[in-house]
C-alpha atoms as a PDB file:
ATOM      1  CA  UNK A   1     150.616  11.168 273.987  1.00  0.00           C
ATOM      2  CA  UNK A   2     149.692   7.602 274.811  1.00  0.00           C
ATOM      3  CA  UNK A   3     147.081   6.638 272.245  1.00  0.00           C
ATOM      4  CA  UNK A   4     145.793   3.851 274.487  1.00  0.00           C
ATOM      5  CA  UNK A   5     143.983   6.515 276.505  1.00  0.00           C
ATOM      6  CA  UNK A   6     142.071   7.773 273.484  1.00  0.00           C
ATOM      7  CA  UNK A   7     139.075   5.706 272.528  1.00  0.00           C
ATOM      8  CA  UNK A   8     136.131   6.396 270.293  1.00  0.00           C
ATOM      9  CA  UNK A   9     133.141   7.188 272.489  1.00  0.00           C
ATOM     10  CA  UNK A  10     130.023   5.263 271.382  1.00  0.00           C
ATOM     11  CA  UNK A  11     127.049   7.446 270.513  1.00  0.00           C
ATOM     12  CA  UNK A  12     123.789   6.521 272.186  1.00  0.00           C
ATOM     13  CA  UNK A  13     121.465   4.804 269.750  1.00  0.00           C
ATOM     14  CA  UNK A  14     124.028   4.282 266.970  1.00  0.00           C
ATOM     15  CA  UNK A  15     123.872   0.713 265.683  1.00  0.00           C
ATOM     16  CA  UNK A  16     127.394   0.846 264.288  1.00  0.00           C
ATOM     17  CA  UNK A  17     128.957   1.446 267.728  1.00  0.00           C
ATOM     18  CA  UNK A  18     126.728  -0.998 269.633  1.00  0.00           C
ATOM     19  CA  UNK A  19     127.632  -4.515 270.689  1.00  0.00           C
ATOM     20  CA  UNK A  20     125.531  -7.574 270.047  1.00  0.00           C
ATOM     21  CA  UNK A  21     124.860  -8.014 273.775  1.00  0.00           C
ATOM     22  CA  UNK A  22     123.573  -4.440 274.059  1.00  0.00           C
ATOM     23  CA  UNK A  23     121.071  -5.084 271.292  1.00  0.00           C
ATOM     24  CA  UNK A  24     120.008  -8.411 272.775  1.00  0.00           C
ATOM     25  CA  UNK A  25     118.847  -6.703 275.952  1.00  0.00           C
ATOM     26  CA  UNK A  26     116.814  -3.915 274.313  1.00  0.00           C
ATOM     27  CA  UNK A  27     114.275  -5.533 271.909  1.00  0.00           C
ATOM     28  CA  UNK A  28     115.544  -3.117 269.246  1.00  0.00           C
ATOM     29  CA  UNK A  29     113.915  -1.491 266.252  1.00  0.00           C
ATOM     30  CA  UNK A  30     116.031   0.274 263.645  1.00  0.00           C
ATOM     31  CA  UNK A  31     115.941   3.334 261.425  1.00  0.00           C
ATOM     32  CA  UNK A  32     117.941   2.791 258.230  1.00  0.00           C
ATOM     33  CA  UNK A  33     118.967   5.962 256.365  1.00  0.00           C
ATOM     34  CA  UNK A  34     118.880   5.427 252.600  1.00  0.00           C
ATOM     35  CA  UNK A  35     120.665   8.049 250.525  1.00  0.00           C
ATOM     36  CA  UNK A  36     122.674   8.228 247.312  1.00  0.00           C
ATOM     37  CA  UNK A  37     126.020   9.178 245.851  1.00  0.00           C
ATOM     38  CA  UNK A  38     125.299  11.559 242.975  1.00  0.00           C
ATOM     39  CA  UNK A  39     126.035  14.996 241.606  1.00  0.00           C
ATOM     40  CA  UNK A  40     124.445  17.953 243.365  1.00  0.00           C
ATOM     41  CA  UNK A  41     125.551  20.789 241.133  1.00  0.00           C
ATOM     42  CA  UNK A  42     128.883  22.570 241.449  1.00  0.00           C
ATOM     43  CA  UNK A  43     128.290  23.652 245.053  1.00  0.00           C
ATOM     44  CA  UNK A  44     127.105  20.617 247.070  1.00  0.00           C
ATOM     45  CA  UNK A  45     128.915  17.341 247.907  1.00  0.00           C
ATOM     46  CA  UNK A  46     128.074  14.042 246.251  1.00  0.00           C
ATOM     47  CA  UNK A  47     126.805  12.608 249.543  1.00  0.00           C
ATOM     48  CA  UNK A  48     124.249  15.385 250.116  1.00  0.00           C
ATOM     49  CA  UNK A  49     121.252  13.030 250.200  1.00  0.00           C
ATOM     50  CA  UNK A  50     123.051  10.647 252.544  1.00  0.00           C
ATOM     51  CA  UNK A  51     124.087  13.431 254.920  1.00  0.00           C
ATOM     52  CA  UNK A  52     120.581  14.820 255.097  1.00  0.00           C
ATOM     53  CA  UNK A  53     118.836  11.489 255.609  1.00  0.00           C
ATOM     54  CA  UNK A  54     121.338  10.341 258.240  1.00  0.00           C
ATOM     55  CA  UNK A  55     120.830  13.576 260.176  1.00  0.00           C
ATOM     56  CA  UNK A  56     117.044  13.258 259.883  1.00  0.00           C
ATOM     57  CA  UNK A  57     117.184   9.656 261.134  1.00  0.00           C
ATOM     58  CA  UNK A  58     119.260  10.716 264.148  1.00  0.00           C
ATOM     59  CA  UNK A  59     116.922  13.601 264.868  1.00  0.00           C
ATOM     60  CA  UNK A  60     113.964  11.240 264.632  1.00  0.00           C
ATOM     61  CA  UNK A  61     115.533   8.649 266.875  1.00  0.00           C
ATOM     62  CA  UNK A  62     116.214  11.273 269.567  1.00  0.00           C
ATOM     63  CA  UNK A  63     112.460  11.796 269.913  1.00  0.00           C
ATOM     64  CA  UNK A  64     111.397   8.140 269.908  1.00  0.00           C
ATOM     65  CA  UNK A  65     111.532   5.399 272.536  1.00  0.00           C
ATOM     66  CA  UNK A  66     114.974   4.161 273.506  1.00  0.00           C
ATOM     67  CA  UNK A  67     114.323   0.875 271.680  1.00  0.00           C
ATOM     68  CA  UNK A  68     115.115   2.648 268.388  1.00  0.00           C
ATOM     69  CA  UNK A  69     118.614   2.588 266.917  1.00  0.00           C
ATOM     70  CA  UNK A  70     120.027   4.309 263.829  1.00  0.00           C
ATOM     71  CA  UNK A  71     121.823   1.989 261.435  1.00  0.00           C
ATOM     72  CA  UNK A  72     124.796   3.048 259.305  1.00  0.00           C
ATOM     73  CA  UNK A  73     123.479   4.763 256.179  1.00  0.00           C
ATOM     74  CA  UNK A  74     123.114   2.995 252.853  1.00  0.00           C
ATOM     75  CA  UNK A  75     124.946   5.484 250.634  1.00  0.00           C
ATOM     76  CA  UNK A  76     124.134   4.139 247.160  1.00  0.00           C
ATOM     77  CA  UNK A  77     120.783   4.215 245.416  1.00  0.00           C
ATOM     78  CA  UNK A  78     119.039   4.431 242.052  1.00  0.00           C
ATOM     79  CA  UNK A  79     120.470   7.609 240.512  1.00  0.00           C
ATOM     80  CA  UNK A  80     120.520   6.841 236.805  1.00  0.00           C
ATOM     81  CA  UNK A  81     119.069  10.252 235.942  1.00  0.00           C
ATOM     82  CA  UNK A  82     122.356  11.802 237.129  1.00  0.00           C
ATOM     83  CA  UNK A  83     124.700   9.381 235.351  1.00  0.00           C
ATOM     84  CA  UNK A  84     125.863  12.034 232.846  1.00  0.00           C
ATOM     85  CA  UNK A  85     127.684  13.828 235.673  1.00  0.00           C
ATOM     86  CA  UNK A  86     131.022  12.760 237.135  1.00  0.00           C
ATOM     87  CA  UNK A  87     130.889  11.323 240.648  1.00  0.00           C
ATOM     88  CA  UNK A  88     127.470   9.715 240.329  1.00  0.00           C
ATOM     89  CA  UNK A  89     127.385   6.055 241.360  1.00  0.00           C
ATOM     90  CA  UNK A  90     124.034   4.366 240.752  1.00  0.00           C
ATOM     91  CA  UNK A  91     123.242   0.735 241.466  1.00  0.00           C
ATOM     92  CA  UNK A  92     119.828   0.923 239.774  1.00  0.00           C
ATOM     93  CA  UNK A  93     116.339   0.025 240.946  1.00  0.00           C
ATOM     94  CA  UNK A  94     116.627  -3.747 240.502  1.00  0.00           C
ATOM     95  CA  UNK A  95     119.851  -4.073 242.493  1.00  0.00           C
ATOM     96  CA  UNK A  96     118.616  -1.662 245.153  1.00  0.00           C
ATOM     97  CA  UNK A  97     115.385  -3.628 245.541  1.00  0.00           C
ATOM     98  CA  UNK A  98     117.355  -6.832 246.075  1.00  0.00           C
ATOM     99  CA  UNK A  99     119.663  -5.117 248.553  1.00  0.00           C
ATOM    100  CA  UNK A 100     116.751  -3.763 250.610  1.00  0.00           C
ATOM    101  CA  UNK A 101     114.916  -7.081 250.645  1.00  0.00           C
ATOM    102  CA  UNK A 102     117.976  -9.009 251.802  1.00  0.00           C
ATOM    103  CA  UNK A 103     118.859  -6.287 254.301  1.00  0.00           C
ATOM    104  CA  UNK A 104     115.346  -6.451 255.712  1.00  0.00           C
ATOM    105  CA  UNK A 105     115.279 -10.237 255.914  1.00  0.00           C
ATOM    106  CA  UNK A 106     118.546 -10.263 257.825  1.00  0.00           C
ATOM    107  CA  UNK A 107     117.759  -7.382 260.193  1.00  0.00           C
ATOM    108  CA  UNK A 108     114.250  -8.652 260.923  1.00  0.00           C
ATOM    109  CA  UNK A 109     115.717 -11.819 262.426  1.00  0.00           C
ATOM    110  CA  UNK A 110     116.631  -9.763 265.527  1.00  0.00           C
ATOM    111  CA  UNK A 111     114.934  -6.359 265.158  1.00  0.00           C
ATOM    112  CA  UNK A 112     111.253  -5.868 265.958  1.00  0.00           C
ATOM    113  CA  UNK A 113     110.595  -3.145 263.392  1.00  0.00           C
ATOM    114  CA  UNK A 114     112.502  -1.688 260.444  1.00  0.00           C
ATOM    115  CA  UNK A 115     112.063   1.758 258.945  1.00  0.00           C
ATOM    116  CA  UNK A 116     113.948   2.817 255.835  1.00  0.00           C
ATOM    117  CA  UNK A 117     114.240   6.619 255.936  1.00  0.00           C
ATOM    118  CA  UNK A 118     114.591   7.797 252.343  1.00  0.00           C
ATOM    119  CA  UNK A 119     116.596  10.802 251.196  1.00  0.00           C
ATOM    120  CA  UNK A 120     116.501  10.374 247.400  1.00  0.00           C
ATOM    121  CA  UNK A 121     113.457  10.355 245.125  1.00  0.00           C
ATOM    122  CA  UNK A 122     114.986   7.849 242.709  1.00  0.00           C
ATOM    123  CA  UNK A 123     114.892   5.204 245.453  1.00  0.00           C
ATOM    124  CA  UNK A 124     111.108   5.186 245.790  1.00  0.00           C
ATOM    125  CA  UNK A 125     110.441   2.450 243.225  1.00  0.00           C
ATOM    126  CA  UNK A 126     112.845   0.083 244.970  1.00  0.00           C
ATOM    127  CA  UNK A 127     111.448   0.958 248.395  1.00  0.00           C
ATOM    128  CA  UNK A 128     107.874   0.311 247.280  1.00  0.00           C
ATOM    129  CA  UNK A 129     108.764  -3.105 245.878  1.00  0.00           C
ATOM    130  CA  UNK A 130     111.121  -4.183 248.670  1.00  0.00           C
ATOM    131  CA  UNK A 131     109.023  -3.112 251.648  1.00  0.00           C
ATOM    132  CA  UNK A 132     105.873  -4.535 250.067  1.00  0.00           C
ATOM    133  CA  UNK A 133     107.665  -7.885 249.754  1.00  0.00           C
ATOM    134  CA  UNK A 134     109.063  -7.763 253.296  1.00  0.00           C
ATOM    135  CA  UNK A 135     105.615  -7.069 254.700  1.00  0.00           C
ATOM    136  CA  UNK A 136     104.094  -9.863 252.607  1.00  0.00           C
ATOM    137  CA  UNK A 137     106.660 -12.188 254.205  1.00  0.00           C
ATOM    138  CA  UNK A 138     105.467 -11.158 257.668  1.00  0.00           C
ATOM    139  CA  UNK A 139     108.229  -8.713 258.543  1.00  0.00           C
ATOM    140  CA  UNK A 140     107.204  -5.484 260.287  1.00  0.00           C
ATOM    141  CA  UNK A 141     108.843  -3.018 257.915  1.00  0.00           C
ATOM    142  CA  UNK A 142     107.974   0.427 256.604  1.00  0.00           C
ATOM    143  CA  UNK A 143     109.553   3.459 255.019  1.00  0.00           C
ATOM    144  CA  UNK A 144     109.213   7.216 255.303  1.00  0.00           C
ATOM    145  CA  UNK A 145     110.422  10.125 253.174  1.00  0.00           C
ATOM    146  CA  UNK A 146     112.402  13.190 254.210  1.00  0.00           C
ATOM    147  CA  UNK A 147     109.594  15.486 253.111  1.00  0.00           C
ATOM    148  CA  UNK A 148     109.089  19.260 253.284  1.00  0.00           C
ATOM    149  CA  UNK A 149     106.249  21.305 251.840  1.00  0.00           C
ATOM    150  CA  UNK A 150     107.128  23.282 248.720  1.00  0.00           C
ATOM    151  CA  UNK A 151     110.548  21.666 248.291  1.00  0.00           C
ATOM    152  CA  UNK A 152     112.285  22.102 244.957  1.00  0.00           C
ATOM    153  CA  UNK A 153     113.600  19.069 243.143  1.00  0.00           C
ATOM    154  CA  UNK A 154     117.391  18.830 243.276  1.00  0.00           C
ATOM    155  CA  UNK A 155     120.352  20.806 244.667  1.00  0.00           C
ATOM    156  CA  UNK A 156     118.278  23.981 244.824  1.00  0.00           C
ATOM    157  CA  UNK A 157     116.905  26.083 247.654  1.00  0.00           C
ATOM    158  CA  UNK A 158     115.754  23.146 249.804  1.00  0.00           C
ATOM    159  CA  UNK A 159     118.804  20.887 249.880  1.00  0.00           C
ATOM    160  CA  UNK A 160     121.246  23.787 249.916  1.00  0.00           C
ATOM    161  CA  UNK A 161     119.466  25.364 252.880  1.00  0.00           C
ATOM    162  CA  UNK A 162     119.552  22.084 254.825  1.00  0.00           C
ATOM    163  CA  UNK A 163     123.257  21.638 254.091  1.00  0.00           C
ATOM    164  CA  UNK A 164     123.911  25.213 255.261  1.00  0.00           C
ATOM    165  CA  UNK A 165     122.278  24.135 258.530  1.00  0.00           C
ATOM    166  CA  UNK A 166     123.966  20.746 259.079  1.00  0.00           C
ATOM    167  CA  UNK A 167     127.246  21.032 257.076  1.00  0.00           C
ATOM    168  CA  UNK A 168     127.858  24.725 256.315  1.00  0.00           C
ATOM    169  CA  UNK A 169     131.581  24.311 255.645  1.00  0.00           C
ATOM    170  CA  UNK A 170     130.845  21.987 252.723  1.00  0.00           C
ATOM    171  CA  UNK A 171     128.558  24.335 250.777  1.00  0.00           C
ATOM    172  CA  UNK A 172     130.569  26.152 248.099  1.00  0.00           C
ATOM    173  CA  UNK A 173     128.569  29.359 247.960  1.00  0.00           C
ATOM    174  CA  UNK A 174     131.032  30.929 245.524  1.00  0.00           C
ATOM    175  CA  UNK A 175     130.054  28.265 242.973  1.00  0.00           C
ATOM    176  CA  UNK A 176     126.296  28.108 243.319  1.00  0.00           C
ATOM    177  CA  UNK A 177     124.141  29.088 240.394  1.00  0.00           C
ATOM    178  CA  UNK A 178     120.428  28.933 239.622  1.00  0.00           C
ATOM    179  CA  UNK A 179     119.331  25.869 237.675  1.00  0.00           C
ATOM    180  CA  UNK A 180     116.118  25.029 235.857  1.00  0.00           C
ATOM    181  CA  UNK A 181     113.266  26.341 238.019  1.00  0.00           C
ATOM    182  CA  UNK A 182     110.386  24.902 235.994  1.00  0.00           C
ATOM    183  CA  UNK A 183     107.960  22.610 237.894  1.00  0.00           C
ATOM    184  CA  UNK A 184     109.166  19.017 237.975  1.00  0.00           C
ATOM    185  CA  UNK A 185     106.126  17.603 236.097  1.00  0.00           C
ATOM    186  CA  UNK A 186     107.073  19.790 233.121  1.00  0.00           C
ATOM    187  CA  UNK A 187     110.625  18.453 233.131  1.00  0.00           C
ATOM    188  CA  UNK A 188     109.939  14.737 233.562  1.00  0.00           C
ATOM    189  CA  UNK A 189     109.338  13.861 229.867  1.00  0.00           C
ATOM    190  CA  UNK A 190     112.747  15.229 228.878  1.00  0.00           C
ATOM    191  CA  UNK A 191     114.411  13.753 231.959  1.00  0.00           C
ATOM    192  CA  UNK A 192     113.096  10.277 231.194  1.00  0.00           C
ATOM    193  CA  UNK A 193     114.936  10.255 227.899  1.00  0.00           C
ATOM    194  CA  UNK A 194     117.999  12.368 228.686  1.00  0.00           C
ATOM    195  CA  UNK A 195     118.333  12.548 232.462  1.00  0.00           C
ATOM    196  CA  UNK A 196     118.869  15.717 234.468  1.00  0.00           C
ATOM    197  CA  UNK A 197     121.488  16.999 232.010  1.00  0.00           C
ATOM    198  CA  UNK A 198     118.777  17.293 229.343  1.00  0.00           C
ATOM    199  CA  UNK A 199     116.992  19.977 231.364  1.00  0.00           C
ATOM    200  CA  UNK A 200     119.835  21.451 233.428  1.00  0.00           C
ATOM    201  CA  UNK A 201     123.449  21.366 232.206  1.00  0.00           C
ATOM    202  CA  UNK A 202     124.591  22.495 235.689  1.00  0.00           C
ATOM    203  CA  UNK A 203     122.716  19.625 237.362  1.00  0.00           C
ATOM    204  CA  UNK A 204     120.419  21.822 239.467  1.00  0.00           C
ATOM    205  CA  UNK A 205     116.626  21.840 239.527  1.00  0.00           C
ATOM    206  CA  UNK A 206     115.772  24.933 241.542  1.00  0.00           C
ATOM    207  CA  UNK A 207     117.667  27.980 242.813  1.00  0.00           C
ATOM    208  CA  UNK A 208     120.280  27.459 245.547  1.00  0.00           C
ATOM    209  CA  UNK A 209     121.241  31.138 245.627  1.00  0.00           C
ATOM    210  CA  UNK A 210     118.205  31.880 247.811  1.00  0.00           C
ATOM    211  CA  UNK A 211     119.223  29.328 250.469  1.00  0.00           C
ATOM    212  CA  UNK A 212     119.923  30.257 254.097  1.00  0.00           C
ATOM    213  CA  UNK A 213     120.916  28.332 257.210  1.00  0.00           C
ATOM    214  CA  UNK A 214     117.833  29.631 259.035  1.00  0.00           C
ATOM    215  CA  UNK A 215     115.611  28.270 256.292  1.00  0.00           C
ATOM    216  CA  UNK A 216     117.564  25.004 256.433  1.00  0.00           C
ATOM    217  CA  UNK A 217     116.890  24.679 260.152  1.00  0.00           C
ATOM    218  CA  UNK A 218     113.164  25.145 259.537  1.00  0.00           C
ATOM    219  CA  UNK A 219     113.090  22.606 256.683  1.00  0.00           C
ATOM    220  CA  UNK A 220     115.160  20.103 258.642  1.00  0.00           C
ATOM    221  CA  UNK A 221     112.799  20.374 261.626  1.00  0.00           C
ATOM    222  CA  UNK A 222     109.847  19.781 259.304  1.00  0.00           C
ATOM    223  CA  UNK A 223     111.510  16.629 257.948  1.00  0.00           C
ATOM    224  CA  UNK A 224     112.192  15.295 261.434  1.00  0.00           C
ATOM    225  CA  UNK A 225     108.689  16.154 262.630  1.00  0.00           C
ATOM    226  CA  UNK A 226     107.211  14.273 259.692  1.00  0.00           C
ATOM    227  CA  UNK A 227     109.279  11.152 260.329  1.00  0.00           C
ATOM    228  CA  UNK A 228     108.538  11.173 264.067  1.00  0.00           C
ATOM    229  CA  UNK A 229     104.832  11.463 263.334  1.00  0.00           C
ATOM    230  CA  UNK A 230     104.858   8.655 260.759  1.00  0.00           C
ATOM    231  CA  UNK A 231     106.908   6.249 262.885  1.00  0.00           C
ATOM    232  CA  UNK A 232     104.910   6.955 266.050  1.00  0.00           C
ATOM    233  CA  UNK A 233     101.595   6.423 264.259  1.00  0.00           C
ATOM    234  CA  UNK A 234     102.846   3.243 262.507  1.00  0.00           C
ATOM    235  CA  UNK A 235     100.287   2.948 259.749  1.00  0.00           C
ATOM    236  CA  UNK A 236     102.000   1.478 256.648  1.00  0.00           C
ATOM    237  CA  UNK A 237     100.174   1.955 253.345  1.00  0.00           C
ATOM    238  CA  UNK A 238      99.906  -0.710 250.627  1.00  0.00           C
ATOM    239  CA  UNK A 239     103.387   0.260 249.407  1.00  0.00           C
ATOM    240  CA  UNK A 240     104.833   0.171 252.923  1.00  0.00           C
ATOM    241  CA  UNK A 241     105.160   3.946 253.243  1.00  0.00           C
ATOM    242  CA  UNK A 242     104.245   5.137 256.726  1.00  0.00           C
ATOM    243  CA  UNK A 243     101.376   7.614 256.572  1.00  0.00           C
END
């Protein structure tokens, strides 16, 4: 077959496949998925947070004005609490803060608004500091979480259900096992000194064995709904989080 006839088809609203001239004519705003590369137990891939947040950003963009574009995901975050497990790559809060500030300064030179869509709890400190600084410098930036009511903390029912919905082939159901199901506030003192391994040797906070694709679809829709509502309302709090 003649490969010259086979070209990658650009996806509507994807910043990575756009051209500079296309952006120039649209007065663009961008959604930036912010994930992580870290252990998610023996049954979920290392890029779980990044997959989820990228999918949420795309789902959000599909329901917003055409001026919005989805940027390529930032796949590294502050994941020091998972450093005891192989595969985790953490750049830490300080480096992540610097990255987000410089990213925002550069993107804001041509984009009207910037929204960091966050898929990992460890990134919140950097987001608070970076978006607060960007806004203080006069840049119209904000951030929103991928939030769902009653979600467990890590690699449990919530994330496993969402992965069964968006990436079912990559969930190793023959390897899943219940982790520590205690409420997160009870675990935090031990986690601050010894990371996730101190409270869950398998790296799971919650119970993935109860996960289903149907539940993942419901949770995913809730995450998208929340982001659409926050972005549409555009009411950044003191820390830059959209309310």
